[in-house]
Amino acid sequence: MSHSCFDVEIDNHIAHVRMSRPDSLNSMNREFWYELPEILDELDRAAEARVVVLSSTGKHFTAGMDLSVFTGGGLAAAETQETGRMREELRRNVLQLQDSFNAIERARMPVLAAIQGGCIGGGVDLISACDARYCTDSAFFCIQEINIGMTADVGTLQRLPHLIPSGMVRELAYTGRRLPAARALEIGLVNATYPDHDAMLKDVMEIAAEIADKSPLAIYGTKEMLNYTRDHSVADSLNYMATWQTGMFQAFDMFESFAAKGEKRAPNFEKLTTRRKYLGEG
């Protein structure tokens, strides 16, 4: 896959997706918002990757939304003079931006974020949608939108309260203060911190390898249940779990796990079925 904002590699069922515009602080230009969901959708369709590591390059993870999204297209594309239609188009633009990060949750495989330096504005929206987060000691997080006179609108305010205490979300969202790595670890936003980028990637790749060794069907079911439970009651979630298990629980992967353990080898699981892009596609 060739993209202007990302480099993508797949090895041993691990997809490494790197933001690749360090000279622009990996700001999220218009291409970014199209390419990220396209990459995740393609990885999901092909089903070769069982886990995704999302990292970046250069000094900072991302500086957030690029100004080009607001000018010369994107959110400024509605030029009609009729207010209702202009606002309807603006709403669709915001929903499209949101959907770029919804793609992280739609993917059947977990997505792990490896963060260095600044994770600003849209970067917080991005990492909030990931399954787990890791960062360098020098990393910091900032809900930048409030500092430029707007309300964060691409997922931070909806997902962050499920990850860290409500009071911390509100403090960060109201003040626009930087959250340093040590405090991010303390409140549970990140799973671990590391002295440098290389050490972080080494450990995150080892975690990804552990995930990739598990049954991809069981991992998919686990991700589906965790995301569903976040948004529903315990009773509804248990009911969904029972229904899901009725259809998805099969003995094949269990037998392979037991056999691999008995034979002291790595299990060999079938990949998930390749998902068709279009109806009727062969």
Protein backbone atom coordinates (compact mmCIF):
# COMPACT_ATOMS: atom_id res chain seq x y z
CA MET A 1 0.00 0.00 0.00
CA SER A 2 1.36 3.41 -1.01
CA HIS A 3 0.18 6.51 0.85
CA SER A 4 1.40 10.07 1.34
CA CYS A 5 0.90 10.19 5.13
CA PHE A 6 1.72 6.63 6.21
CA ASP A 7 4.12 3.76 5.73
CA VAL A 8 2.65 0.28 6.18
CA GLU A 9 4.47 -3.02 6.75
CA ILE A 10 3.11 -6.45 7.66
CA ASP A 11 5.34 -9.06 9.27
CA ASN A 12 4.37 -12.14 11.28
CA HIS A 13 0.72 -11.06 11.29
CA ILE A 14 1.63 -7.63 12.76
CA ALA A 15 0.80 -4.54 10.71
CA HIS A 16 3.02 -1.58 11.54
CA VAL A 17 1.34 1.65 10.41
CA ARG A 18 3.64 4.68 10.76
CA MET A 19 2.73 8.32 10.29
CA SER A 20 5.42 9.54 7.92
CA ARG A 21 5.37 13.34 7.72
CA PRO A 22 7.88 14.29 10.46
CA ASP A 23 8.83 17.58 8.77
CA SER A 24 5.21 18.67 9.19
CA LEU A 25 5.02 17.24 12.73
CA ASN A 26 2.71 14.57 11.30
CA SER A 27 -0.13 17.06 11.21
CA MET A 28 -3.41 15.62 9.97
CA ASN A 29 -3.87 17.06 6.49
CA ARG A 30 -6.78 16.25 4.18
CA GLU A 31 -5.07 13.15 2.82
CA PHE A 32 -4.60 11.80 6.34
CA TRP A 33 -8.35 11.60 6.94
CA TYR A 34 -8.89 9.54 3.80
CA GLU A 35 -5.82 7.34 4.05
CA LEU A 36 -6.15 6.13 7.64
CA PRO A 37 -9.59 4.50 7.26
CA GLU A 38 -8.55 3.19 3.84
CA ILE A 39 -5.50 1.49 5.36
CA LEU A 40 -7.44 0.01 8.27
CA ASP A 41 -10.24 -1.17 6.00
CA GLU A 42 -7.78 -2.85 3.65
CA LEU A 43 -5.97 -4.55 6.55
CA ASP A 44 -9.32 -5.74 7.88
CA ARG A 45 -10.46 -7.03 4.48
CA ALA A 46 -7.22 -8.90 3.76
CA ALA A 47 -7.16 -10.42 7.28
CA GLU A 48 -3.41 -11.10 7.13
CA ALA A 49 -2.71 -8.84 10.11
CA ARG A 50 -3.98 -9.89 13.53
CA VAL A 51 -2.89 -6.73 15.34
CA VAL A 52 -1.93 -3.19 14.29
CA VAL A 53 0.80 -1.06 15.83
CA LEU A 54 0.22 2.62 15.08
CA SER A 55 3.34 4.73 15.57
CA SER A 56 4.89 7.89 14.21
CA THR A 57 8.17 9.41 13.09
CA GLY A 58 10.20 12.43 14.11
CA LYS A 59 10.06 14.48 17.28
CA HIS A 60 6.29 14.42 17.78
CA PHE A 61 3.54 11.84 17.35
CA THR A 62 1.26 14.45 15.77
CA ALA A 63 0.59 18.18 15.98
CA GLY A 64 -3.09 17.49 15.32
CA MET A 65 -5.34 18.93 12.63
CA ASP A 66 -3.55 20.57 9.73
CA LEU A 67 -4.79 24.05 8.79
CA SER A 68 -5.36 22.84 5.22
CA VAL A 69 -8.42 20.95 6.45
CA PHE A 70 -10.03 24.26 7.39
CA THR A 71 -9.02 26.19 4.27
CA GLY A 72 -9.21 25.49 0.56
CA GLY A 73 -11.56 22.53 1.00
CA GLY A 74 -12.50 20.10 3.76
CA LEU A 75 -14.53 21.88 6.43
CA ALA A 76 -14.57 25.11 4.40
CA ALA A 77 -15.96 23.43 1.29
CA ALA A 78 -19.55 24.52 1.89
CA GLU A 79 -19.84 27.70 -0.20
CA THR A 80 -23.58 27.87 -0.72
CA GLN A 81 -25.24 30.99 0.64
CA GLU A 82 -28.25 29.05 1.96
CA THR A 83 -27.56 28.57 5.68
CA GLY A 84 -29.42 25.29 6.18
CA ARG A 85 -27.60 23.50 3.35
CA MET A 86 -24.25 24.94 4.37
CA ARG A 87 -24.72 23.68 7.95
CA GLU A 88 -25.89 20.27 6.71
CA GLU A 89 -22.69 19.93 4.71
CA LEU A 90 -20.61 21.00 7.70
CA ARG A 91 -22.28 18.29 9.79
CA ARG A 92 -21.45 15.66 7.17
CA ASN A 93 -17.84 16.85 7.10
CA VAL A 94 -17.55 16.44 10.87
CA LEU A 95 -19.13 12.98 10.69
CA GLN A 96 -16.62 12.01 8.00
CA LEU A 97 -13.72 13.08 10.20
CA GLN A 98 -15.19 11.12 13.10
CA ASP A 99 -15.55 8.06 10.90
CA SER A 100 -11.83 8.08 10.15
CA PHE A 101 -11.22 7.17 13.79
CA ASN A 102 -14.31 4.99 14.07
CA ALA A 103 -12.45 2.78 11.58
CA ILE A 104 -10.03 1.90 14.39
CA GLU A 105 -12.89 0.43 16.41
CA ARG A 106 -14.50 -1.25 13.39
CA ALA A 107 -11.33 -3.16 12.56
CA ARG A 108 -11.48 -6.78 13.69
CA MET A 109 -7.95 -6.62 15.10
CA PRO A 110 -6.67 -4.61 18.09
CA VAL A 111 -4.82 -1.34 17.40
CA LEU A 112 -1.96 -0.37 19.74
CA ALA A 113 -0.73 3.24 19.76
CA ALA A 114 2.98 3.98 20.36
CA ILE A 115 3.35 7.69 21.12
CA GLN A 116 6.44 9.90 21.24
CA GLY A 117 6.64 13.64 21.90
CA GLY A 118 3.50 15.68 21.46
CA CYS A 119 0.10 14.10 20.94
CA ILE A 120 -1.96 17.20 20.34
CA GLY A 121 -5.56 17.95 19.39
CA GLY A 122 -6.67 15.36 16.86
CA GLY A 123 -3.91 13.09 18.16
CA VAL A 124 -5.86 12.66 21.39
CA ASP A 125 -8.98 11.82 19.36
CA LEU A 126 -6.91 9.24 17.51
CA ILE A 127 -5.28 7.47 20.44
CA SER A 128 -8.55 7.48 22.41
CA ALA A 129 -10.00 5.17 19.75
CA CYS A 130 -7.12 2.68 20.04
CA ASP A 131 -7.23 -0.46 22.16
CA ALA A 132 -4.14 0.38 24.20
CA ARG A 133 -1.62 3.21 24.43
CA TYR A 134 2.12 3.34 25.23
CA CYS A 135 4.40 6.38 25.25
CA THR A 136 7.91 7.69 25.77
CA ASP A 137 8.86 9.53 28.95
CA SER A 138 8.98 12.79 26.97
CA ALA A 139 5.46 12.42 25.54
CA PHE A 140 2.64 14.77 26.41
CA PHE A 141 -1.04 15.00 25.54
CA CYS A 142 -3.10 18.13 24.95
CA ILE A 143 -6.76 18.71 24.10
CA GLN A 144 -5.72 21.65 21.98
CA GLU A 145 -9.13 22.54 20.56
CA ILE A 146 -10.16 24.57 23.60
CA ASN A 147 -7.03 26.70 23.16
CA ILE A 148 -8.15 27.79 19.69
CA GLY A 149 -11.74 28.53 20.61
CA MET A 150 -13.54 25.36 19.60
CA THR A 151 -15.00 22.21 21.15
CA ALA A 152 -13.14 18.97 20.38
CA ASP A 153 -15.42 17.12 17.96
CA VAL A 154 -13.75 13.97 16.62
CA GLY A 155 -13.99 11.61 19.60
CA THR A 156 -11.92 12.85 22.54
CA LEU A 157 -14.89 14.01 24.62
CA GLN A 158 -16.82 10.82 23.86
CA ARG A 159 -14.07 8.22 24.40
CA LEU A 160 -11.71 9.72 26.96
CA PRO A 161 -14.24 9.54 29.84
CA HIS A 162 -14.18 5.75 29.39
CA LEU A 163 -10.39 5.71 29.78
CA ILE A 164 -9.57 8.13 32.61
CA PRO A 165 -11.48 9.72 35.53
CA SER A 166 -14.16 12.23 34.56
CA GLY A 167 -12.59 15.00 36.61
CA MET A 168 -9.29 14.64 34.74
CA VAL A 169 -11.08 14.69 31.38
CA ARG A 170 -12.87 17.87 32.33
CA GLU A 171 -9.74 19.57 33.64
CA LEU A 172 -7.81 18.76 30.47
CA ALA A 173 -10.72 19.66 28.18
CA TYR A 174 -11.51 22.96 29.93
CA THR A 175 -7.93 24.19 30.41
CA GLY A 176 -6.06 22.83 27.38
CA ARG A 177 -3.16 21.96 29.69
CA ARG A 178 -0.51 19.48 28.72
CA LEU A 179 -0.73 16.06 30.35
CA PRO A 180 2.83 14.69 30.80
CA ALA A 181 3.68 11.03 30.31
CA ALA A 182 4.17 10.28 34.01
CA ARG A 183 0.73 11.62 34.88
CA ALA A 184 -0.82 9.84 31.87
CA LEU A 185 0.55 6.59 33.26
CA GLU A 186 -0.69 7.39 36.75
CA ILE A 187 -4.30 7.96 35.64
CA GLY A 188 -4.32 5.01 33.24
CA LEU A 189 -4.32 6.73 29.86
CA VAL A 190 -1.21 4.78 28.87
CA ASN A 191 -0.18 1.26 29.86
CA ALA A 192 3.54 1.97 30.14
CA THR A 193 6.20 4.63 29.52
CA TYR A 194 9.68 4.15 28.04
CA PRO A 195 12.96 6.09 28.03
CA ASP A 196 13.02 6.43 24.25
CA HIS A 197 11.23 5.62 21.00
CA ASP A 198 13.25 2.49 20.22
CA ALA A 199 12.63 0.95 23.64
CA MET A 200 8.93 1.69 23.31
CA LEU A 201 8.60 0.13 19.88
CA LYS A 202 10.57 -2.95 20.94
CA ASP A 203 8.19 -3.63 23.84
CA VAL A 204 5.01 -2.74 21.94
CA MET A 205 6.04 -5.09 19.13
CA GLU A 206 6.54 -7.86 21.70
CA ILE A 207 3.04 -7.21 23.05
CA ALA A 208 1.70 -7.24 19.50
CA ALA A 209 3.44 -10.57 18.86
CA GLU A 210 1.71 -12.08 21.90
CA ILE A 211 -1.65 -10.94 20.56
CA ALA A 212 -0.86 -12.22 17.06
CA ASP A 213 -0.16 -15.69 18.49
CA LYS A 214 -3.72 -15.97 19.80
CA SER A 215 -6.79 -17.13 17.90
CA PRO A 216 -7.79 -14.22 15.62
CA LEU A 217 -11.45 -15.18 16.00
CA ALA A 218 -11.21 -15.11 19.79
CA ILE A 219 -9.36 -11.78 19.67
CA TYR A 220 -12.02 -10.32 17.39
CA GLY A 221 -14.77 -11.52 19.72
CA THR A 222 -12.95 -10.06 22.71
CA LYS A 223 -12.58 -6.65 21.03
CA GLU A 224 -16.21 -6.69 19.93
CA MET A 225 -17.42 -7.49 23.44
CA LEU A 226 -15.21 -4.89 25.14
CA ASN A 227 -16.39 -2.14 22.79
CA TYR A 228 -20.03 -3.18 23.10
CA THR A 229 -19.87 -3.37 26.89
CA ARG A 230 -18.40 0.14 27.08
CA ASP A 231 -21.54 1.52 25.45
CA HIS A 232 -24.24 -0.72 26.99
CA SER A 233 -25.49 -2.01 30.32
CA VAL A 234 -24.10 -5.17 31.92
CA ALA A 235 -27.38 -7.00 31.28
CA ASP A 236 -27.45 -6.02 27.59
CA SER A 237 -23.78 -6.91 27.21
CA LEU A 238 -24.23 -10.36 28.78
CA ASN A 239 -27.17 -11.01 26.49
CA TYR A 240 -25.12 -9.99 23.45
CA MET A 241 -22.25 -12.17 24.66
CA ALA A 242 -24.52 -15.19 24.82
CA THR A 243 -25.83 -14.55 21.32
CA TRP A 244 -22.32 -13.93 19.95
CA GLN A 245 -20.94 -17.07 21.55
CA THR A 246 -23.75 -19.18 20.14
CA GLY A 247 -22.59 -18.35 16.65
CA MET A 248 -18.86 -17.73 17.02
CA PHE A 249 -17.67 -20.27 19.59
CA GLN A 250 -16.23 -23.25 17.76
CA ALA A 251 -13.92 -25.93 19.07
CA PHE A 252 -11.34 -25.83 16.27
CA ASP A 253 -9.14 -23.11 17.77
CA MET A 254 -9.39 -24.65 21.23
CA PHE A 255 -8.27 -28.03 19.91
CA GLU A 256 -5.35 -26.37 18.12
CA SER A 257 -4.38 -24.52 21.31
CA PHE A 258 -4.38 -27.74 23.32
CA ALA A 259 -2.49 -29.63 20.61
CA ALA A 260 0.15 -26.91 20.30
CA LYS A 261 0.68 -26.85 24.05
CA GLY A 262 0.99 -30.63 24.20
CA GLU A 263 3.43 -30.67 21.29
CA LYS A 264 5.36 -27.66 22.64
CA ARG A 265 4.93 -25.61 19.48
CA ALA A 266 3.26 -22.38 18.45
CA PRO A 267 -0.40 -22.78 17.50
CA ASN A 268 -1.35 -22.46 13.85
CA PHE A 269 -4.71 -20.71 13.60
CA GLU A 270 -6.61 -20.04 10.41
CA LYS A 271 -6.88 -16.37 9.54
CA LEU A 272 -10.24 -14.68 9.59
CA THR A 273 -12.13 -14.83 6.34
CA THR A 274 -11.16 -12.24 3.76
CA ARG A 275 -13.85 -9.58 3.78
CA ARG A 276 -15.20 -8.56 0.39
CA LYS A 277 -15.14 -4.89 -0.48
CA TYR A 278 -18.21 -4.99 -2.70
CA LEU A 279 -21.35 -7.09 -2.69
CA GLY A 280 -21.07 -9.90 -5.22
CA GLU A 281 -17.29 -9.58 -5.39
CA GLY A 282 -15.60 -12.91 -6.05
